[in-house]
Protein backbone atom coordinates (compact mmCIF):
# COMPACT_ATOMS: atom_id res chain seq x y z
CA MET A 1 76.69 68.29 70.24
CA ARG A 2 78.64 69.64 73.21
CA LYS A 3 79.67 73.29 73.01
CA SER A 4 83.13 74.04 74.32
CA PHE A 5 84.48 76.99 76.22
CA SER A 6 86.32 79.62 74.19
CA PHE A 7 88.80 82.24 75.33
CA LEU A 8 88.63 85.35 73.14
CA ILE A 9 90.82 88.44 72.93
CA HIS A 10 89.45 91.61 71.35
CA PRO A 11 91.87 93.14 68.77
CA ILE A 12 91.77 96.53 70.51
CA PHE A 13 92.80 94.77 73.73
CA LEU A 14 95.93 93.58 71.93
CA LEU A 15 96.59 97.10 70.69
CA PHE A 16 96.17 98.45 74.23
CA ALA A 17 98.59 95.79 75.54
CA CYS A 18 101.18 96.71 72.90
CA VAL A 19 100.92 100.41 73.76
CA MET A 20 101.34 99.71 77.49
CA ILE A 21 104.35 97.47 76.83
CA TYR A 22 105.89 99.99 74.43
CA PHE A 23 105.71 102.73 77.08
CA GLY A 24 107.34 100.48 79.69
CA ASP A 25 104.21 99.63 81.67
CA ALA A 26 104.13 95.89 80.95
CA PHE A 27 104.18 94.91 84.65
CA THR A 28 101.39 97.36 85.51
CA PHE A 29 99.37 96.05 82.56
CA PHE A 30 99.90 92.49 83.81
CA GLU A 31 98.77 93.43 87.34
CA PHE A 32 95.58 95.08 86.06
CA MET A 33 94.78 92.15 83.77
CA LEU A 34 95.41 89.72 86.64
CA ALA A 35 92.80 91.60 88.70
CA VAL A 36 90.36 91.45 85.76
CA VAL A 37 90.89 87.73 85.12
CA LEU A 38 90.57 86.86 88.83
CA HIS A 39 87.32 88.88 88.94
CA GLU A 40 85.91 86.85 86.05
CA LEU A 41 87.25 83.64 87.58
CA GLY A 42 85.15 84.42 90.67
CA HIS A 43 82.04 84.71 88.49
CA SER A 44 82.89 81.50 86.63
CA LEU A 45 83.57 79.40 89.73
CA VAL A 46 80.24 80.33 91.31
CA ALA A 47 78.38 79.84 88.01
CA ARG A 48 79.90 76.38 87.56
CA LYS A 49 79.21 75.48 91.20
CA LEU A 50 75.55 76.40 90.62
CA GLY A 51 75.43 74.13 87.56
CA TYR A 52 75.72 76.62 84.71
CA LYS A 53 77.92 75.94 81.71
CA LEU A 54 80.41 78.57 80.56
CA LYS A 55 80.43 79.68 76.93
CA SER A 56 83.29 82.18 76.62
CA LEU A 57 85.55 84.70 78.29
CA CYS A 58 86.48 87.72 76.21
CA LEU A 59 89.24 90.16 77.20
CA MET A 60 88.28 93.63 76.00
CA PRO A 61 89.92 97.07 76.27
CA TYR A 62 87.68 98.01 79.20
CA GLY A 63 87.86 94.70 81.08
CA ALA A 64 86.42 91.27 80.41
CA GLN A 65 83.10 89.58 79.89
CA LEU A 66 82.11 86.06 80.89
CA ASN A 67 79.28 84.50 78.89
CA LEU A 68 77.20 81.54 80.03
CA GLN A 69 75.53 79.08 77.66
CA SER A 70 72.18 79.90 79.25
CA ASN A 71 70.79 83.41 79.69
CA ALA A 72 67.99 82.19 81.97
CA LEU A 73 69.29 82.43 85.53
CA ARG A 74 67.33 82.15 88.73
CA CYS A 75 67.30 85.50 90.56
CA SER A 76 69.18 84.11 93.55
CA ASP A 77 71.83 82.56 91.27
CA GLU A 78 72.21 85.84 89.36
CA ILE A 79 72.91 87.67 92.63
CA LEU A 80 75.48 85.11 93.80
CA ILE A 81 77.27 85.05 90.44
CA ALA A 82 77.28 88.86 90.15
CA LEU A 83 78.67 89.37 93.66
CA ALA A 84 81.39 86.73 93.27
CA GLY A 85 83.65 88.91 91.08
CA PRO A 86 83.74 91.94 93.40
CA ILE A 87 84.20 89.66 96.43
CA VAL A 88 87.24 88.04 94.78
CA ASN A 89 88.66 91.52 94.10
CA LEU A 90 88.12 92.58 97.72
CA VAL A 91 89.82 89.43 98.98
CA CYS A 92 92.77 89.95 96.59
CA GLY A 93 93.10 93.57 97.68
CA GLY A 94 93.00 92.49 101.32
CA VAL A 95 95.69 89.89 100.73
CA GLY A 96 97.81 92.59 99.08
CA LEU A 97 97.36 94.88 102.08
CA ALA A 98 98.36 92.03 104.40
CA LEU A 99 101.47 91.47 102.29
CA TRP A 100 102.36 95.14 102.68
CA TRP A 101 102.02 94.89 106.43
CA LEU A 102 103.95 91.60 106.71
CA PHE A 103 106.52 92.27 103.98
CA PRO A 104 106.78 96.03 103.26
CA LEU A 105 109.25 95.40 100.43
CA THR A 106 106.40 93.90 98.34
CA TYR A 107 104.65 97.28 98.08
CA PRO A 108 106.22 98.47 94.81
CA TYR A 109 105.51 95.11 93.17
CA THR A 110 101.89 94.78 94.28
CA GLU A 111 100.64 98.38 94.47
CA ALA A 112 98.96 98.41 91.05
CA PHE A 113 97.35 95.00 91.64
CA VAL A 114 95.93 96.03 95.02
CA MET A 115 94.61 99.32 93.65
CA ALA A 116 93.15 97.60 90.57
CA SER A 117 91.46 95.01 92.78
CA PHE A 118 89.80 97.57 95.05
CA VAL A 119 88.83 99.89 92.19
CA MET A 120 87.35 96.99 90.21
CA ALA A 121 85.33 95.81 93.20
CA ILE A 122 83.90 99.25 93.92
CA PHE A 123 83.36 100.21 90.27
CA ASN A 124 81.64 96.92 89.42
CA LEU A 125 79.17 97.37 92.27
CA LEU A 126 77.82 100.58 90.71
CA PRO A 127 74.22 100.13 89.55
CA LEU A 128 75.03 100.76 85.88
CA VAL A 129 74.38 98.28 83.08
CA PRO A 130 76.31 95.98 82.39
CA LEU A 131 78.16 96.16 85.72
CA ASP A 132 77.60 93.67 88.54
CA GLY A 133 75.73 96.16 90.70
CA SER A 134 73.00 96.51 88.08
CA ARG A 135 72.78 92.73 87.74
CA VAL A 136 72.16 92.45 91.49
CA ILE A 137 69.51 95.20 91.48
CA LEU A 138 67.73 93.78 88.43
CA ALA A 139 67.73 90.31 90.00
CA LEU A 140 66.30 91.71 93.25
CA ILE A 141 63.57 93.51 91.28
CA GLY A 142 62.86 90.32 89.34
CA ALA A 143 62.64 88.28 92.53
CA LYS A 144 60.27 90.81 94.09
CA ASN A 145 57.97 90.77 91.04
CA LYS A 146 57.59 86.97 91.07
């Protein structure tokens, strides 16, 4: 039987969204969530390109989590998949900076997205579990021990 992909939303995420919207920060919330979803999309595109099947994407109050149907990844694949999210965020932040330079009037509309993209990229590269930086380090250690 073929397992399908599921998109999940944590109830506290919905509460957080309602609070942000209530206080008039709906656009900022949208920009931050766009950076989060694009980050996870980067992971998913590389995982699918490497032949892995996706199980679910869950939006949570602190970000999102992409789950694959298989937990057994080759070390080199783990590194590529882990780095894909931060790379997407860096590219998005760079595109935002270019927009500011080319069209300065876009700054107020893209500031939160650019900041969220850069902060997510840097934060996710920290070597703390379950962040992407720790996944890269653990995969490098695993590759060295083989």
